[in-house]
PDB file of N, CA and C in Angstrom:
ATOM      1  N   UNK A   1     239.318  49.117 226.104  1.00  0.00           N
ATOM      2  CA  UNK A   1     239.068  49.990 227.375  1.00  0.00           C
ATOM      3  C   UNK A   1     239.091  48.824 228.581  1.00  0.00           C
ATOM      4  N   UNK A   2     239.334  49.041 229.949  1.00  0.00           N
ATOM      5  CA  UNK A   2     239.311  48.284 231.376  1.00  0.00           C
ATOM      6  C   UNK A   2     237.988  48.101 231.812  1.00  0.00           C
ATOM      7  N   UNK A   3     237.639  46.828 232.041  1.00  0.00           N
ATOM      8  CA  UNK A   3     236.795  46.335 232.620  1.00  0.00           C
ATOM      9  C   UNK A   3     236.844  45.810 233.851  1.00  0.00           C
ATOM     10  N   UNK A   4     237.838  45.629 234.550  1.00  0.00           N
ATOM     11  CA  UNK A   4     237.870  44.990 235.708  1.00  0.00           C
ATOM     12  C   UNK A   4     238.827  46.061 236.975  1.00  0.00           C
ATOM     13  N   UNK A   5     238.467  47.384 236.667  1.00  0.00           N
ATOM     14  CA  UNK A   5     239.019  48.450 237.632  1.00  0.00           C
ATOM     15  C   UNK A   5     240.747  48.738 237.353  1.00  0.00           C
ATOM     16  N   UNK A   6     241.196  49.296 238.228  1.00  0.00           N
ATOM     17  CA  UNK A   6     242.668  49.993 237.915  1.00  0.00           C
ATOM     18  C   UNK A   6     243.550  48.916 239.070  1.00  0.00           C
ATOM     19  N   UNK A   7     244.879  49.146 238.636  1.00  0.00           N
ATOM     20  CA  UNK A   7     245.820  48.223 239.413  1.00  0.00           C
ATOM     21  C   UNK A   7     246.966  49.302 239.662  1.00  0.00           C
ATOM     22  N   UNK A   8     247.379  49.417 240.844  1.00  0.00           N
ATOM     23  CA  UNK A   8     248.408  50.182 241.343  1.00  0.00           C
ATOM     24  C   UNK A   8     249.818  49.322 241.491  1.00  0.00           C
ATOM     25  N   UNK A   9     251.070  49.599 240.665  1.00  0.00           N
ATOM     26  CA  UNK A   9     251.806  48.367 240.452  1.00  0.00           C
ATOM     27  C   UNK A   9     252.826  49.066 241.579  1.00  0.00           C
ATOM     28  N   UNK A  10     252.926  48.161 242.552  1.00  0.00           N
ATOM     29  CA  UNK A  10     253.879  48.275 243.913  1.00  0.00           C
ATOM     30  C   UNK A  10     254.985  48.767 243.729  1.00  0.00           C
ATOM     31  N   UNK A  11     256.036  48.945 244.389  1.00  0.00           N
ATOM     32  CA  UNK A  11     257.468  49.647 244.384  1.00  0.00           C
ATOM     33  C   UNK A  11     257.763  48.905 243.868  1.00  0.00           C
ATOM     34  N   UNK A  12     259.374  49.214 243.365  1.00  0.00           N
ATOM     35  CA  UNK A  12     260.307  48.394 242.841  1.00  0.00           C
ATOM     36  C   UNK A  12     260.927  47.199 243.956  1.00  0.00           C
ATOM     37  N   UNK A  13     261.053  47.762 245.209  1.00  0.00           N
ATOM     38  CA  UNK A  13     261.371  46.919 246.349  1.00  0.00           C
ATOM     39  C   UNK A  13     260.538  46.080 246.791  1.00  0.00           C
ATOM     40  N   UNK A  14     259.073  46.448 246.977  1.00  0.00           N
ATOM     41  CA  UNK A  14     258.004  45.715 247.256  1.00  0.00           C
ATOM     42  C   UNK A  14     258.159  44.364 246.321  1.00  0.00           C
ATOM     43  N   UNK A  15     258.231  44.564 244.906  1.00  0.00           N
ATOM     44  CA  UNK A  15     258.262  43.325 244.248  1.00  0.00           C
ATOM     45  C   UNK A  15     259.390  42.515 244.203  1.00  0.00           C
ATOM     46  N   UNK A  16     260.527  43.142 244.072  1.00  0.00           N
ATOM     47  CA  UNK A  16     261.982  42.347 244.697  1.00  0.00           C
ATOM     48  C   UNK A  16     261.832  41.457 245.743  1.00  0.00           C
ATOM     49  N   UNK A  17     261.180  41.885 246.908  1.00  0.00           N
ATOM     50  CA  UNK A  17     261.162  41.241 248.054  1.00  0.00           C
ATOM     51  C   UNK A  17     260.406  39.993 247.928  1.00  0.00           C
ATOM     52  N   UNK A  18     259.563  39.545 246.849  1.00  0.00           N
ATOM     53  CA  UNK A  18     258.692  38.560 246.498  1.00  0.00           C
ATOM     54  C   UNK A  18     259.678  37.758 245.506  1.00  0.00           C
ATOM     55  N   UNK A  19     260.564  37.907 245.021  1.00  0.00           N
ATOM     56  CA  UNK A  19     261.288  37.047 244.040  1.00  0.00           C
ATOM     57  C   UNK A  19     262.260  36.178 244.287  1.00  0.00           C
ATOM     58  N   UNK A  20     262.305  35.373 243.716  1.00  0.00           N
ATOM     59  CA  UNK A  20     263.541  34.194 244.295  1.00  0.00           C
ATOM     60  C   UNK A  20     264.744  34.519 243.328  1.00  0.00           C
ATOM     61  N   UNK A  21     265.772  33.946 243.241  1.00  0.00           N
ATOM     62  CA  UNK A  21     267.042  34.126 242.834  1.00  0.00           C
ATOM     63  C   UNK A  21     266.831  34.238 241.417  1.00  0.00           C
ATOM     64  N   UNK A  22     265.819  33.636 240.657  1.00  0.00           N
ATOM     65  CA  UNK A  22     265.923  33.781 239.242  1.00  0.00           C
ATOM     66  C   UNK A  22     264.576  34.583 238.768  1.00  0.00           C
ATOM     67  N   UNK A  23     264.505  35.632 239.756  1.00  0.00           N
ATOM     68  CA  UNK A  23     263.517  36.852 239.521  1.00  0.00           C
ATOM     69  C   UNK A  23     262.132  36.227 239.099  1.00  0.00           C
ATOM     70  N   UNK A  24     261.794  35.079 239.968  1.00  0.00           N
ATOM     71  CA  UNK A  24     260.199  34.449 239.507  1.00  0.00           C
ATOM     72  C   UNK A  24     259.833  34.588 240.912  1.00  0.00           C
ATOM     73  N   UNK A  25     258.478  34.512 240.740  1.00  0.00           N
ATOM     74  CA  UNK A  25     257.166  34.620 242.251  1.00  0.00           C
ATOM     75  C   UNK A  25     256.299  33.469 241.536  1.00  0.00           C
ATOM     76  N   UNK A  26     255.976  32.573 242.466  1.00  0.00           N
ATOM     77  CA  UNK A  26     254.930  31.443 241.938  1.00  0.00           C
ATOM     78  C   UNK A  26     254.914  31.149 240.488  1.00  0.00           C
ATOM     79  N   UNK A  27     256.506  31.015 240.068  1.00  0.00           N
ATOM     80  CA  UNK A  27     256.683  30.621 238.768  1.00  0.00           C
ATOM     81  C   UNK A  27     256.571  31.670 237.703  1.00  0.00           C
ATOM     82  N   UNK A  28     256.347  32.728 238.133  1.00  0.00           N
ATOM     83  CA  UNK A  28     256.076  33.843 236.851  1.00  0.00           C
ATOM     84  C   UNK A  28     257.323  34.932 236.949  1.00  0.00           C
ATOM     85  N   UNK A  29     257.726  35.020 235.940  1.00  0.00           N
ATOM     86  CA  UNK A  29     259.267  35.816 236.037  1.00  0.00           C
ATOM     87  C   UNK A  29     259.028  37.463 235.727  1.00  0.00           C
ATOM     88  N   UNK A  30     259.617  38.166 236.621  1.00  0.00           N
ATOM     89  CA  UNK A  30     259.549  39.361 236.604  1.00  0.00           C
ATOM     90  C   UNK A  30     260.799  39.869 236.096  1.00  0.00           C
ATOM     91  N   UNK A  31     260.389  40.527 234.691  1.00  0.00           N
ATOM     92  CA  UNK A  31     261.324  40.484 233.480  1.00  0.00           C
ATOM     93  C   UNK A  31     261.802  41.866 233.399  1.00  0.00           C
ATOM     94  N   UNK A  32     263.158  42.133 233.063  1.00  0.00           N
ATOM     95  CA  UNK A  32     263.584  43.387 233.102  1.00  0.00           C
ATOM     96  C   UNK A  32     262.746  44.262 232.139  1.00  0.00           C
ATOM     97  N   UNK A  33     262.588  45.500 232.653  1.00  0.00           N
ATOM     98  CA  UNK A  33     261.943  46.322 231.680  1.00  0.00           C
ATOM     99  C   UNK A  33     260.413  46.564 232.239  1.00  0.00           C
ATOM    100  N   UNK A  34     260.195  45.695 233.206  1.00  0.00           N
ATOM    101  CA  UNK A  34     258.920  45.954 234.009  1.00  0.00           C
ATOM    102  C   UNK A  34     259.377  47.127 235.316  1.00  0.00           C
ATOM    103  N   UNK A  35     260.479  47.136 235.464  1.00  0.00           N
ATOM    104  CA  UNK A  35     260.756  48.380 236.710  1.00  0.00           C
ATOM    105  C   UNK A  35     260.128  49.591 236.149  1.00  0.00           C
ATOM    106  N   UNK A  36     260.004  49.766 234.811  1.00  0.00           N
ATOM    107  CA  UNK A  36     259.627  51.155 234.543  1.00  0.00           C
ATOM    108  C   UNK A  36     258.093  51.188 234.714  1.00  0.00           C
ATOM    109  N   UNK A  37     257.437  50.167 235.136  1.00  0.00           N
ATOM    110  CA  UNK A  37     256.022  50.466 235.593  1.00  0.00           C
ATOM    111  C   UNK A  37     255.909  50.634 236.915  1.00  0.00           C
ATOM    112  N   UNK A  38     257.030  50.442 238.092  1.00  0.00           N
ATOM    113  CA  UNK A  38     256.976  50.175 239.063  1.00  0.00           C
ATOM    114  C   UNK A  38     256.198  51.784 239.619  1.00  0.00           C
ATOM    115  N   UNK A  39     255.057  51.792 240.450  1.00  0.00           N
ATOM    116  CA  UNK A  39     254.601  52.819 241.306  1.00  0.00           C
ATOM    117  C   UNK A  39     253.464  53.674 240.332  1.00  0.00           C
ATOM    118  N   UNK A  40     253.215  53.145 239.086  1.00  0.00           N
ATOM    119  CA  UNK A  40     252.271  53.370 238.229  1.00  0.00           C
ATOM    120  C   UNK A  40     250.782  52.990 238.114  1.00  0.00           C
ATOM    121  N   UNK A  41     249.687  53.316 238.051  1.00  0.00           N
ATOM    122  CA  UNK A  41     248.530  53.275 238.066  1.00  0.00           C
ATOM    123  C   UNK A  41     247.910  52.915 236.882  1.00  0.00           C
ATOM    124  N   UNK A  42     247.533  51.672 236.306  1.00  0.00           N
ATOM    125  CA  UNK A  42     247.155  51.390 235.215  1.00  0.00           C
ATOM    126  C   UNK A  42     245.568  50.390 235.115  1.00  0.00           C
ATOM    127  N   UNK A  43     245.051  50.633 234.055  1.00  0.00           N
ATOM    128  CA  UNK A  43     243.688  50.098 234.103  1.00  0.00           C
ATOM    129  C   UNK A  43     244.071  48.335 233.596  1.00  0.00           C
ATOM    130  N   UNK A  44     243.140  47.623 234.427  1.00  0.00           N
ATOM    131  CA  UNK A  44     243.214  45.872 234.177  1.00  0.00           C
ATOM    132  C   UNK A  44     242.697  45.642 232.813  1.00  0.00           C
ATOM    133  N   UNK A  45     243.098  45.150 232.036  1.00  0.00           N
ATOM    134  CA  UNK A  45     242.751  44.628 230.876  1.00  0.00           C
ATOM    135  C   UNK A  45     241.864  43.414 231.116  1.00  0.00           C
ATOM    136  N   UNK A  46     242.362  42.267 231.904  1.00  0.00           N
ATOM    137  CA  UNK A  46     242.212  41.110 231.914  1.00  0.00           C
ATOM    138  C   UNK A  46     242.740  40.423 233.062  1.00  0.00           C
ATOM    139  N   UNK A  47     241.986  39.325 233.950  1.00  0.00           N
ATOM    140  CA  UNK A  47     242.702  38.590 234.790  1.00  0.00           C
ATOM    141  C   UNK A  47     242.636  37.239 234.648  1.00  0.00           C
ATOM    142  N   UNK A  48     244.038  36.799 234.815  1.00  0.00           N
ATOM    143  CA  UNK A  48     243.999  35.263 234.300  1.00  0.00           C
ATOM    144  C   UNK A  48     244.603  34.407 235.454  1.00  0.00           C
ATOM    145  N   UNK A  49     243.778  33.252 235.672  1.00  0.00           N
ATOM    146  CA  UNK A  49     244.060  32.391 236.759  1.00  0.00           C
ATOM    147  C   UNK A  49     245.291  31.338 236.464  1.00  0.00           C
ATOM    148  N   UNK A  50     245.332  31.110 234.853  1.00  0.00           N
ATOM    149  CA  UNK A  50     246.170  30.202 234.615  1.00  0.00           C
ATOM    150  C   UNK A  50     247.031  30.846 233.130  1.00  0.00           C
ATOM    151  N   UNK A  51     248.582  30.421 233.488  1.00  0.00           N
ATOM    152  CA  UNK A  51     249.191  30.922 232.287  1.00  0.00           C
ATOM    153  C   UNK A  51     250.418  29.761 231.759  1.00  0.00           C
ATOM    154  N   UNK A  52     250.786  30.164 230.596  1.00  0.00           N
ATOM    155  CA  UNK A  52     251.695  29.239 229.708  1.00  0.00           C
ATOM    156  C   UNK A  52     253.058  29.934 230.194  1.00  0.00           C
ATOM    157  N   UNK A  53     253.629  29.627 231.010  1.00  0.00           N
ATOM    158  CA  UNK A  53     255.275  30.314 231.310  1.00  0.00           C
ATOM    159  C   UNK A  53     256.407  29.201 231.243  1.00  0.00           C
ATOM    160  N   UNK A  54     257.369  29.547 230.526  1.00  0.00           N
ATOM    161  CA  UNK A  54     258.566  28.598 230.333  1.00  0.00           C
ATOM    162  C   UNK A  54     258.225  27.196 230.045  1.00  0.00           C
ATOM    163  N   UNK A  55     257.396  27.115 229.280  1.00  0.00           N
ATOM    164  CA  UNK A  55     257.285  25.714 228.662  1.00  0.00           C
ATOM    165  C   UNK A  55     256.034  24.961 229.513  1.00  0.00           C
ATOM    166  N   UNK A  56     255.472  25.511 230.203  1.00  0.00           N
ATOM    167  CA  UNK A  56     254.284  24.528 231.118  1.00  0.00           C
ATOM    168  C   UNK A  56     253.221  25.505 231.684  1.00  0.00           C
ATOM    169  N   UNK A  57     252.286  25.043 231.922  1.00  0.00           N
ATOM    170  CA  UNK A  57     251.145  25.460 232.247  1.00  0.00           C
ATOM    171  C   UNK A  57     251.111  25.658 233.914  1.00  0.00           C
ATOM    172  N   UNK A  58     250.726  27.018 234.407  1.00  0.00           N
ATOM    173  CA  UNK A  58     251.171  27.302 235.694  1.00  0.00           C
ATOM    174  C   UNK A  58     249.751  27.788 236.210  1.00  0.00           C
ATOM    175  N   UNK A  59     249.485  27.501 237.258  1.00  0.00           N
ATOM    176  CA  UNK A  59     248.052  27.884 238.289  1.00  0.00           C
ATOM    177  C   UNK A  59     248.620  28.743 239.180  1.00  0.00           C
ATOM    178  N   UNK A  60     249.301  29.947 239.265  1.00  0.00           N
ATOM    179  CA  UNK A  60     249.632  30.676 240.432  1.00  0.00           C
ATOM    180  C   UNK A  60     248.457  30.890 241.584  1.00  0.00           C
ATOM    181  N   UNK A  61     248.941  30.889 242.839  1.00  0.00           N
ATOM    182  CA  UNK A  61     247.981  30.687 243.768  1.00  0.00           C
ATOM    183  C   UNK A  61     247.151  32.340 244.095  1.00  0.00           C
ATOM    184  N   UNK A  62     247.814  33.192 243.298  1.00  0.00           N
ATOM    185  CA  UNK A  62     247.044  34.522 243.031  1.00  0.00           C
ATOM    186  C   UNK A  62     246.928  34.665 241.535  1.00  0.00           C
ATOM    187  N   UNK A  63     245.690  35.545 241.279  1.00  0.00           N
ATOM    188  CA  UNK A  63     245.652  35.678 239.874  1.00  0.00           C
ATOM    189  C   UNK A  63     246.607  36.509 239.144  1.00  0.00           C
ATOM    190  N   UNK A  64     247.097  36.302 237.930  1.00  0.00           N
ATOM    191  CA  UNK A  64     247.900  36.964 236.947  1.00  0.00           C
ATOM    192  C   UNK A  64     246.912  38.247 236.257  1.00  0.00           C
ATOM    193  N   UNK A  65     247.480  39.246 236.101  1.00  0.00           N
ATOM    194  CA  UNK A  65     247.047  40.558 235.331  1.00  0.00           C
ATOM    195  C   UNK A  65     247.470  40.836 234.306  1.00  0.00           C
ATOM    196  N   UNK A  66     246.700  41.368 233.362  1.00  0.00           N
ATOM    197  CA  UNK A  66     247.153  42.064 232.040  1.00  0.00           C
ATOM    198  C   UNK A  66     246.584  43.497 232.527  1.00  0.00           C
ATOM    199  N   UNK A  67     247.569  44.396 232.149  1.00  0.00           N
ATOM    200  CA  UNK A  67     247.348  45.888 232.198  1.00  0.00           C
ATOM    201  C   UNK A  67     247.638  46.613 230.998  1.00  0.00           C
ATOM    202  N   UNK A  68     246.786  47.486 230.981  1.00  0.00           N
ATOM    203  CA  UNK A  68     246.654  48.546 229.731  1.00  0.00           C
ATOM    204  C   UNK A  68     248.072  49.063 229.568  1.00  0.00           C
ATOM    205  N   UNK A  69     248.580  49.199 228.324  1.00  0.00           N
ATOM    206  CA  UNK A  69     249.595  50.125 228.141  1.00  0.00           C
ATOM    207  C   UNK A  69     250.914  49.095 228.788  1.00  0.00           C
ATOM    208  N   UNK A  70     250.793  48.129 229.172  1.00  0.00           N
ATOM    209  CA  UNK A  70     252.239  47.694 230.007  1.00  0.00           C
ATOM    210  C   UNK A  70     252.576  46.447 229.109  1.00  0.00           C
ATOM    211  N   UNK A  71     253.427  46.955 227.837  1.00  0.00           N
ATOM    212  CA  UNK A  71     253.917  46.196 227.112  1.00  0.00           C
ATOM    213  C   UNK A  71     255.390  45.685 227.274  1.00  0.00           C
ATOM    214  N   UNK A  72     255.823  44.770 226.773  1.00  0.00           N
ATOM    215  CA  UNK A  72     257.776  44.685 226.879  1.00  0.00           C
ATOM    216  C   UNK A  72     258.122  45.913 225.983  1.00  0.00           C
ATOM    217  N   UNK A  73     259.089  46.664 226.783  1.00  0.00           N
ATOM    218  CA  UNK A  73     259.686  47.579 226.038  1.00  0.00           C
ATOM    219  C   UNK A  73     261.046  47.094 225.484  1.00  0.00           C
ATOM    220  N   UNK A  74     261.129  45.812 224.980  1.00  0.00           N
ATOM    221  CA  UNK A  74     262.453  45.704 224.089  1.00  0.00           C
ATOM    222  C   UNK A  74     263.371  45.198 224.615  1.00  0.00           C
ATOM    223  N   UNK A  75     263.514  45.506 226.236  1.00  0.00           N
ATOM    224  CA  UNK A  75     264.646  45.387 226.908  1.00  0.00           C
ATOM    225  C   UNK A  75     265.701  44.234 226.756  1.00  0.00           C
ATOM    226  N   UNK A  76     266.819  44.287 226.692  1.00  0.00           N
ATOM    227  CA  UNK A  76     267.971  42.998 226.855  1.00  0.00           C
ATOM    228  C   UNK A  76     267.177  41.838 227.594  1.00  0.00           C
ATOM    229  N   UNK A  77     267.524  40.671 227.213  1.00  0.00           N
ATOM    230  CA  UNK A  77     266.509  39.369 227.931  1.00  0.00           C
ATOM    231  C   UNK A  77     268.046  38.278 228.098  1.00  0.00           C
ATOM    232  N   UNK A  78     269.056  38.856 228.011  1.00  0.00           N
ATOM    233  CA  UNK A  78     270.225  37.924 228.484  1.00  0.00           C
ATOM    234  C   UNK A  78     270.926  37.477 226.996  1.00  0.00           C
ATOM    235  N   UNK A  79     271.673  36.337 226.951  1.00  0.00           N
ATOM    236  CA  UNK A  79     272.355  36.065 226.173  1.00  0.00           C
ATOM    237  C   UNK A  79     271.388  35.760 224.602  1.00  0.00           C
ATOM    238  N   UNK A  80     269.818  35.682 224.579  1.00  0.00           N
ATOM    239  CA  UNK A  80     268.996  35.957 223.524  1.00  0.00           C
ATOM    240  C   UNK A  80     268.893  37.379 222.774  1.00  0.00           C
ATOM    241  N   UNK A  81     269.616  38.254 223.527  1.00  0.00           N
ATOM    242  CA  UNK A  81     269.548  39.609 223.114  1.00  0.00           C
ATOM    243  C   UNK A  81     268.017  40.142 223.132  1.00  0.00           C
ATOM    244  N   UNK A  82     268.129  41.466 222.599  1.00  0.00           N
ATOM    245  CA  UNK A  82     266.837  42.086 222.691  1.00  0.00           C
ATOM    246  C   UNK A  82     265.762  41.551 222.523  1.00  0.00           C
ATOM    247  N   UNK A  83     264.520  41.772 223.199  1.00  0.00           N
ATOM    248  CA  UNK A  83     263.012  41.461 222.711  1.00  0.00           C
ATOM    249  C   UNK A  83     262.376  42.598 221.923  1.00  0.00           C
ATOM    250  N   UNK A  84     262.030  42.117 220.981  1.00  0.00           N
ATOM    251  CA  UNK A  84     261.465  42.914 219.784  1.00  0.00           C
ATOM    252  C   UNK A  84     259.842  42.740 219.560  1.00  0.00           C
ATOM    253  N   UNK A  85     259.473  41.804 220.657  1.00  0.00           N
ATOM    254  CA  UNK A  85     258.171  41.523 220.361  1.00  0.00           C
ATOM    255  C   UNK A  85     257.181  42.275 220.566  1.00  0.00           C
ATOM    256  N   UNK A  86     257.300  43.104 221.653  1.00  0.00           N
ATOM    257  CA  UNK A  86     256.442  44.203 222.044  1.00  0.00           C
ATOM    258  C   UNK A  86     255.203  43.295 222.963  1.00  0.00           C
ATOM    259  N   UNK A  87     255.321  42.284 223.856  1.00  0.00           N
ATOM    260  CA  UNK A  87     254.377  41.330 224.450  1.00  0.00           C
ATOM    261  C   UNK A  87     253.673  42.152 225.470  1.00  0.00           C
ATOM    262  N   UNK A  88     252.454  41.590 225.697  1.00  0.00           N
ATOM    263  CA  UNK A  88     251.983  42.238 226.875  1.00  0.00           C
ATOM    264  C   UNK A  88     252.496  41.513 228.217  1.00  0.00           C
ATOM    265  N   UNK A  89     252.774  42.136 229.112  1.00  0.00           N
ATOM    266  CA  UNK A  89     253.461  41.621 230.404  1.00  0.00           C
ATOM    267  C   UNK A  89     252.603  41.080 231.129  1.00  0.00           C
ATOM    268  N   UNK A  90     252.824  39.957 232.122  1.00  0.00           N
ATOM    269  CA  UNK A  90     252.137  39.237 232.969  1.00  0.00           C
ATOM    270  C   UNK A  90     252.423  39.890 234.398  1.00  0.00           C
ATOM    271  N   UNK A  91     251.319  40.318 235.073  1.00  0.00           N
ATOM    272  CA  UNK A  91     251.805  40.949 236.376  1.00  0.00           C
ATOM    273  C   UNK A  91     250.929  40.054 237.430  1.00  0.00           C
ATOM    274  N   UNK A  92     251.728  39.389 238.311  1.00  0.00           N
ATOM    275  CA  UNK A  92     251.310  38.513 239.636  1.00  0.00           C
ATOM    276  C   UNK A  92     250.488  39.884 240.274  1.00  0.00           C
ATOM    277  N   UNK A  93     249.341  39.137 241.056  1.00  0.00           N
ATOM    278  CA  UNK A  93     248.683  39.655 241.880  1.00  0.00           C
ATOM    279  C   UNK A  93     249.324  40.320 243.271  1.00  0.00           C
ATOM    280  N   UNK A  94     250.407  39.695 243.529  1.00  0.00           N
ATOM    281  CA  UNK A  94     251.147  40.022 244.772  1.00  0.00           C
ATOM    282  C   UNK A  94     252.079  41.272 244.255  1.00  0.00           C
ATOM    283  N   UNK A  95     252.238  41.831 242.916  1.00  0.00           N
ATOM    284  CA  UNK A  95     252.826  42.941 242.661  1.00  0.00           C
ATOM    285  C   UNK A  95     251.746  44.258 242.321  1.00  0.00           C
ATOM    286  N   UNK A  96     250.651  43.899 242.651  1.00  0.00           N
ATOM    287  CA  UNK A  96     249.895  45.253 242.385  1.00  0.00           C
ATOM    288  C   UNK A  96     248.781  45.095 243.480  1.00  0.00           C
ATOM    289  N   UNK A  97     248.319  46.488 243.824  1.00  0.00           N
ATOM    290  CA  UNK A  97     247.306  46.713 244.654  1.00  0.00           C
ATOM    291  C   UNK A  97     246.099  47.239 243.773  1.00  0.00           C
ATOM    292  N   UNK A  98     245.092  45.919 243.986  1.00  0.00           N
ATOM    293  CA  UNK A  98     243.839  46.212 243.032  1.00  0.00           C
ATOM    294  C   UNK A  98     242.879  47.183 243.426  1.00  0.00           C
ATOM    295  N   UNK A  99     242.546  48.078 242.490  1.00  0.00           N
ATOM    296  CA  UNK A  99     241.173  48.859 243.092  1.00  0.00           C
ATOM    297  C   UNK A  99     239.894  48.194 242.500  1.00  0.00           C
ATOM    298  N   UNK A 100     239.148  47.524 243.109  1.00  0.00           N
ATOM    299  CA  UNK A 100     237.698  47.221 242.430  1.00  0.00           C
ATOM    300  C   UNK A 100     237.144  48.317 241.292  1.00  0.00           C
ATOM    301  N   UNK A 101     236.387  47.627 240.424  1.00  0.00           N
ATOM    302  CA  UNK A 101     235.648  48.613 239.417  1.00  0.00           C
ATOM    303  C   UNK A 101     234.850  49.376 240.331  1.00  0.00           C
ATOM    304  N   UNK A 102     234.436  50.485 239.335  1.00  0.00           N
ATOM    305  CA  UNK A 102     233.406  51.448 239.905  1.00  0.00           C
ATOM    306  C   UNK A 102     232.235  51.519 239.292  1.00  0.00           C
TER     307      UNK A 102
END
């Protein structure tokens, strides 16, 4: 169950405006398949201040969130083929509107 309130995932256009040419923001990748969650309101499972991404530890300037029910859908990830791991997706705080816990 969520202990940190809820998050509203911003629109795809708002999220894409934050991304560089590699689809990253502060080093965090916005993966294909995350688009499915745009506009949805989901419970926050956990807030992270440090993550391991692309072979190194990152401390983004904004927190990273894990959202309940937001798992990798197994979308194609390029030449490596489809992802079948159903990993929890990482969400940059700039991609969300955070509702405080009640």
